[in-house]
Protein backbone atom coordinates (compact mmCIF):
# COMPACT_ATOMS: atom_id res chain seq x y z
CA UNK A 1 -39.81 -20.74 -5.41
CA UNK A 2 -36.91 -19.17 -4.19
CA UNK A 3 -37.07 -21.62 -1.16
CA UNK A 4 -36.43 -24.81 -3.54
CA UNK A 5 -33.82 -22.89 -5.49
CA UNK A 6 -35.59 -22.43 -8.53
CA UNK A 7 -34.98 -18.81 -9.04
CA UNK A 8 -31.10 -19.17 -8.63
CA UNK A 9 -29.03 -18.01 -11.74
CA UNK A 10 -25.58 -19.08 -12.45
CA UNK A 11 -24.74 -15.87 -14.36
CA UNK A 12 -23.54 -12.54 -13.05
CA UNK A 13 -26.44 -10.32 -12.00
CA UNK A 14 -26.36 -6.76 -13.13
CA UNK A 15 -28.67 -5.92 -10.14
CA UNK A 16 -25.84 -6.96 -7.86
CA UNK A 17 -23.51 -4.34 -9.01
CA UNK A 18 -23.20 -1.58 -6.53
CA UNK A 19 -21.20 1.37 -8.07
CA UNK A 20 -19.20 3.58 -5.16
CA UNK A 21 -16.56 4.18 -7.41
CA UNK A 22 -15.48 7.76 -7.44
CA UNK A 23 -17.77 8.89 -4.68
CA UNK A 24 -15.96 11.49 -2.23
CA UNK A 25 -18.96 13.38 -0.76
CA UNK A 26 -19.94 11.53 2.35
CA UNK A 27 -23.70 12.40 1.99
CA UNK A 28 -24.16 11.03 -1.48
CA UNK A 29 -21.92 7.85 -0.29
CA UNK A 30 -24.05 7.26 2.89
CA UNK A 31 -27.35 7.62 0.44
CA UNK A 32 -25.77 5.24 -1.97
CA UNK A 33 -25.21 2.71 0.80
CA UNK A 34 -28.91 3.26 2.08
CA UNK A 35 -30.00 2.21 -1.29
CA UNK A 36 -27.39 -0.73 -1.71
CA UNK A 37 -28.26 -2.70 1.40
CA UNK A 38 -31.87 -3.36 0.93
CA UNK A 39 -31.52 -4.34 -2.76
CA UNK A 40 -28.72 -6.66 -1.71
CA UNK A 41 -30.67 -7.99 0.81
CA UNK A 42 -33.70 -8.57 -1.21
CA UNK A 43 -31.41 -10.42 -3.65
CA UNK A 44 -30.24 -12.52 -1.15
CA UNK A 45 -33.77 -13.32 0.05
CA UNK A 46 -34.97 -14.07 -3.27
CA UNK A 47 -32.28 -16.61 -3.70
CA UNK A 48 -30.68 -14.99 -6.56
CA UNK A 49 -27.08 -14.71 -4.27
CA UNK A 50 -25.43 -17.26 -2.23
CA UNK A 51 -25.02 -15.48 1.11
CA UNK A 52 -22.73 -15.03 2.74
CA UNK A 53 -20.59 -13.91 -0.22
CA UNK A 54 -17.23 -15.56 1.36
CA UNK A 55 -19.17 -19.19 0.54
CA UNK A 56 -19.37 -18.64 -3.23
CA UNK A 57 -17.53 -20.61 -5.69
CA UNK A 58 -16.69 -19.22 -9.36
CA UNK A 59 -19.47 -21.07 -10.93
CA UNK A 60 -22.00 -19.27 -8.24
CA UNK A 61 -23.97 -16.07 -9.47
CA UNK A 62 -21.30 -13.13 -8.74
CA UNK A 63 -18.86 -15.69 -7.83
CA UNK A 64 -15.95 -13.64 -9.24
CA UNK A 65 -13.34 -11.77 -6.89
CA UNK A 66 -14.59 -8.44 -7.46
CA UNK A 67 -18.29 -9.27 -6.61
CA UNK A 68 -17.10 -11.26 -3.40
CA UNK A 69 -14.77 -8.37 -2.18
CA UNK A 70 -17.47 -5.79 -2.86
CA UNK A 71 -20.45 -8.06 -1.42
CA UNK A 72 -18.47 -9.07 1.66
CA UNK A 73 -17.74 -4.92 2.30
CA UNK A 74 -21.68 -4.34 2.18
CA UNK A 75 -22.51 -7.28 4.37
CA UNK A 76 -20.34 -5.70 6.83
CA UNK A 77 -21.43 -2.02 6.27
CA UNK A 78 -25.28 -3.17 6.26
CA UNK A 79 -25.55 -2.39 10.06
CA UNK A 80 -25.55 1.34 9.51
CA UNK A 81 -28.61 1.61 7.49
CA UNK A 82 -30.44 -0.92 9.90
CA UNK A 83 -29.93 1.90 12.51
CA UNK A 84 -33.77 2.75 13.59
CA UNK A 85 -33.53 6.17 14.41
CA UNK A 86 -30.73 7.80 11.95
CA UNK A 87 -28.83 10.75 12.70
CA UNK A 88 -26.34 10.76 9.69
CA UNK A 89 -24.28 13.74 10.93
CA UNK A 90 -23.06 11.60 13.62
CA UNK A 91 -21.12 10.04 10.83
CA UNK A 92 -20.26 12.43 8.34
CA UNK A 93 -20.65 15.90 9.67
CA UNK A 94 -17.34 17.23 11.04
CA UNK A 95 -18.97 19.20 13.87
CA UNK A 96 -20.22 15.67 15.00
CA UNK A 97 -17.22 13.77 14.89
CA UNK A 98 -15.72 14.38 18.36
CA UNK A 99 -19.13 13.34 19.83
CA UNK A 100 -19.43 10.42 17.98
CA UNK A 101 -15.93 9.36 18.48
CA UNK A 102 -15.85 9.72 22.12
CA UNK A 103 -19.15 8.04 22.49
CA UNK A 104 -17.62 4.94 20.42
CA UNK A 105 -14.56 4.70 22.42
CA UNK A 106 -16.82 4.86 26.03
CA UNK A 107 -18.98 1.82 24.57
CA UNK A 108 -18.17 -1.53 25.49
CA UNK A 109 -17.11 -3.84 22.49
CA UNK A 110 -19.38 -6.71 21.71
CA UNK A 111 -18.78 -9.92 19.68
CA UNK A 112 -22.25 -10.33 18.03
CA UNK A 113 -23.49 -10.43 14.68
CA UNK A 114 -26.92 -10.54 15.65
CA UNK A 115 -27.86 -7.30 17.58
CA UNK A 116 -30.49 -5.16 19.30
CA UNK A 117 -30.72 -1.59 18.83
CA UNK A 118 -31.17 0.90 21.94
CA UNK A 119 -33.57 3.48 20.06
CA UNK A 120 -30.45 6.01 20.62
CA UNK A 121 -28.44 6.69 17.36
CA UNK A 122 -25.15 7.70 18.83
CA UNK A 123 -25.12 4.21 21.12
CA UNK A 124 -26.73 2.28 17.96
CA UNK A 125 -24.09 3.29 15.53
CA UNK A 126 -21.44 2.03 17.83
CA UNK A 127 -23.37 -1.11 18.38
CA UNK A 128 -23.60 -1.33 14.40
CA UNK A 129 -19.84 -0.45 13.88
CA UNK A 130 -18.75 -3.68 16.10
CA UNK A 131 -21.43 -5.96 14.42
CA UNK A 132 -19.82 -5.12 10.92
CA UNK A 133 -16.24 -5.79 12.24
CA UNK A 134 -17.50 -8.90 13.92
CA UNK A 135 -19.17 -10.13 10.60
CA UNK A 136 -15.81 -9.74 8.91
CA UNK A 137 -14.00 -11.69 11.51
CA UNK A 138 -16.81 -14.63 11.01
CA UNK A 139 -16.35 -14.30 7.41
CA UNK A 140 -12.63 -14.44 7.49
CA UNK A 141 -12.47 -17.68 9.75
CA UNK A 142 -15.14 -18.80 7.42
CA UNK A 143 -13.11 -18.31 4.36
CA UNK A 144 -9.89 -19.63 5.69
CA UNK A 145 -8.40 -16.04 5.48
CA UNK A 146 -4.88 -15.45 7.33
CA UNK A 147 -5.85 -15.44 10.79
CA UNK A 148 -3.01 -12.63 11.52
CA UNK A 149 -4.75 -10.13 9.25
CA UNK A 150 -7.90 -10.69 11.68
CA UNK A 151 -6.30 -10.68 14.85
CA UNK A 152 -7.45 -7.88 17.25
CA UNK A 153 -10.10 -6.48 14.94
CA UNK A 154 -11.95 -4.45 17.30
CA UNK A 155 -8.69 -3.25 19.14
CA UNK A 156 -7.12 -2.16 15.79
CA UNK A 157 -10.36 -0.03 14.87
CA UNK A 158 -10.51 1.33 18.22
CA UNK A 159 -6.76 2.57 17.89
CA UNK A 160 -7.77 4.20 14.46
CA UNK A 161 -10.62 6.17 16.25
CA UNK A 162 -8.21 7.45 18.95
CA UNK A 163 -5.97 8.63 16.17
CA UNK A 164 -9.02 10.34 14.62
CA UNK A 165 -10.17 11.73 17.80
CA UNK A 166 -6.74 13.55 18.01
CA UNK A 167 -6.85 14.64 14.47
CA UNK A 168 -10.30 16.42 15.19
CA UNK A 169 -8.94 18.02 17.93
CA UNK A 170 -6.43 20.05 16.29
CA UNK A 171 -7.73 23.55 15.78
CA UNK A 172 -9.00 24.19 12.27
CA UNK A 173 -10.03 20.33 11.74
CA UNK A 174 -13.63 21.16 10.38
CA UNK A 175 -12.35 23.58 7.63
CA UNK A 176 -9.39 20.91 6.81
CA UNK A 177 -11.96 18.50 6.58
CA UNK A 178 -13.96 20.50 4.16
CA UNK A 179 -10.68 21.35 1.91
CA UNK A 180 -9.86 17.61 1.74
CA UNK A 181 -13.31 16.90 0.57
CA UNK A 182 -13.28 19.60 -2.13
CA UNK A 183 -9.72 18.04 -3.43
CA UNK A 184 -11.88 14.63 -3.63
CA UNK A 185 -10.01 13.13 -0.64
CA UNK A 186 -11.52 11.46 2.19
CA UNK A 187 -11.11 12.72 5.68
CA UNK A 188 -11.30 10.76 8.96
CA UNK A 189 -15.04 11.01 9.14
CA UNK A 190 -16.42 7.93 10.99
CA UNK A 191 -18.24 6.71 8.01
CA UNK A 192 -14.90 6.88 6.04
CA UNK A 193 -12.88 4.96 8.75
CA UNK A 194 -15.31 2.24 8.86
CA UNK A 195 -15.41 1.80 4.96
CA UNK A 196 -12.03 1.66 4.64
CA UNK A 197 -11.55 -0.84 7.19
CA UNK A 198 -14.18 -2.95 5.78
CA UNK A 199 -12.69 -2.53 2.46
CA UNK A 200 -9.01 -3.80 3.50
CA UNK A 201 -10.81 -6.75 5.55
CA UNK A 202 -13.01 -7.73 2.84
CA UNK A 203 -10.24 -7.82 0.42
CA UNK A 204 -8.43 -10.51 2.77
CA UNK A 205 -11.62 -12.44 2.73
CA UNK A 206 -11.51 -12.26 -1.08
CA UNK A 207 -8.01 -13.10 -1.57
CA UNK A 208 -8.52 -16.24 0.53
CA UNK A 209 -11.58 -17.27 -1.66
CA UNK A 210 -10.59 -16.37 -5.20
CA UNK A 211 -8.51 -18.57 -7.40
CA UNK A 212 -4.80 -17.66 -7.58
CA UNK A 213 -4.90 -15.44 -10.45
CA UNK A 214 -7.62 -13.54 -8.89
CA UNK A 215 -5.60 -13.24 -5.62
CA UNK A 216 -2.88 -11.55 -7.30
CA UNK A 217 -5.09 -9.12 -8.80
CA UNK A 218 -6.84 -8.24 -5.43
CA UNK A 219 -3.17 -7.59 -3.82
CA UNK A 220 -2.43 -4.79 -5.82
CA UNK A 221 -5.69 -3.20 -5.91
CA UNK A 222 -7.21 -0.68 -3.04
CA UNK A 223 -10.96 -1.08 -4.03
CA UNK A 224 -13.02 -3.54 -6.20
CA UNK A 225 -13.15 -0.68 -8.45
CA UNK A 226 -9.32 -0.82 -9.06
CA UNK A 227 -9.58 -4.45 -10.39
CA UNK A 228 -9.00 -4.99 -14.37
CA UNK A 229 -12.36 -6.03 -15.95
């Protein structure tokens, strides 16, 4: 039935709401993402949501600016839970950040959104990160977003990772990380760095496809949760 569009709906879906608001614990954050990705892809596969989100119009299910922003970010982040041999500490453990960042910076960037994994987590996370950023580049072009916002996306994120490597090289960085987490802040864990980058680029895509009034609200928001209902 979904093949012929008979199960498509035009109203917002409660099942398509993914609550990441207020999360600061990286383990809980990653666990929420692990649950959200298959649920989102299931909605897409069953024809309930138009995919990618940047193709939606206001009349489509979840065609509002909040959903387009949130779902575009989720589409980019989906590669991480798909890594076959998960090693979450590489993404969120303070003691493993230097290892993960060094491996990422040694890795040659790729421009693919369809990828093959190697079976080695530290390499596959790098492949997944690049794929997610490439997906945002693809959606940025498709949506007509400002090309300057997407110029050198991979290089820009690599620069972010270089700065993060310097942060983690400072004595006491792990303890500082724990203090920031206790204070509800987000230290430069690899997972948080990618989340922030995907949030920012997905916003630019949502601005490009949203009505003018929605775009104005988006420009003043830092996260989909910041938008007024």
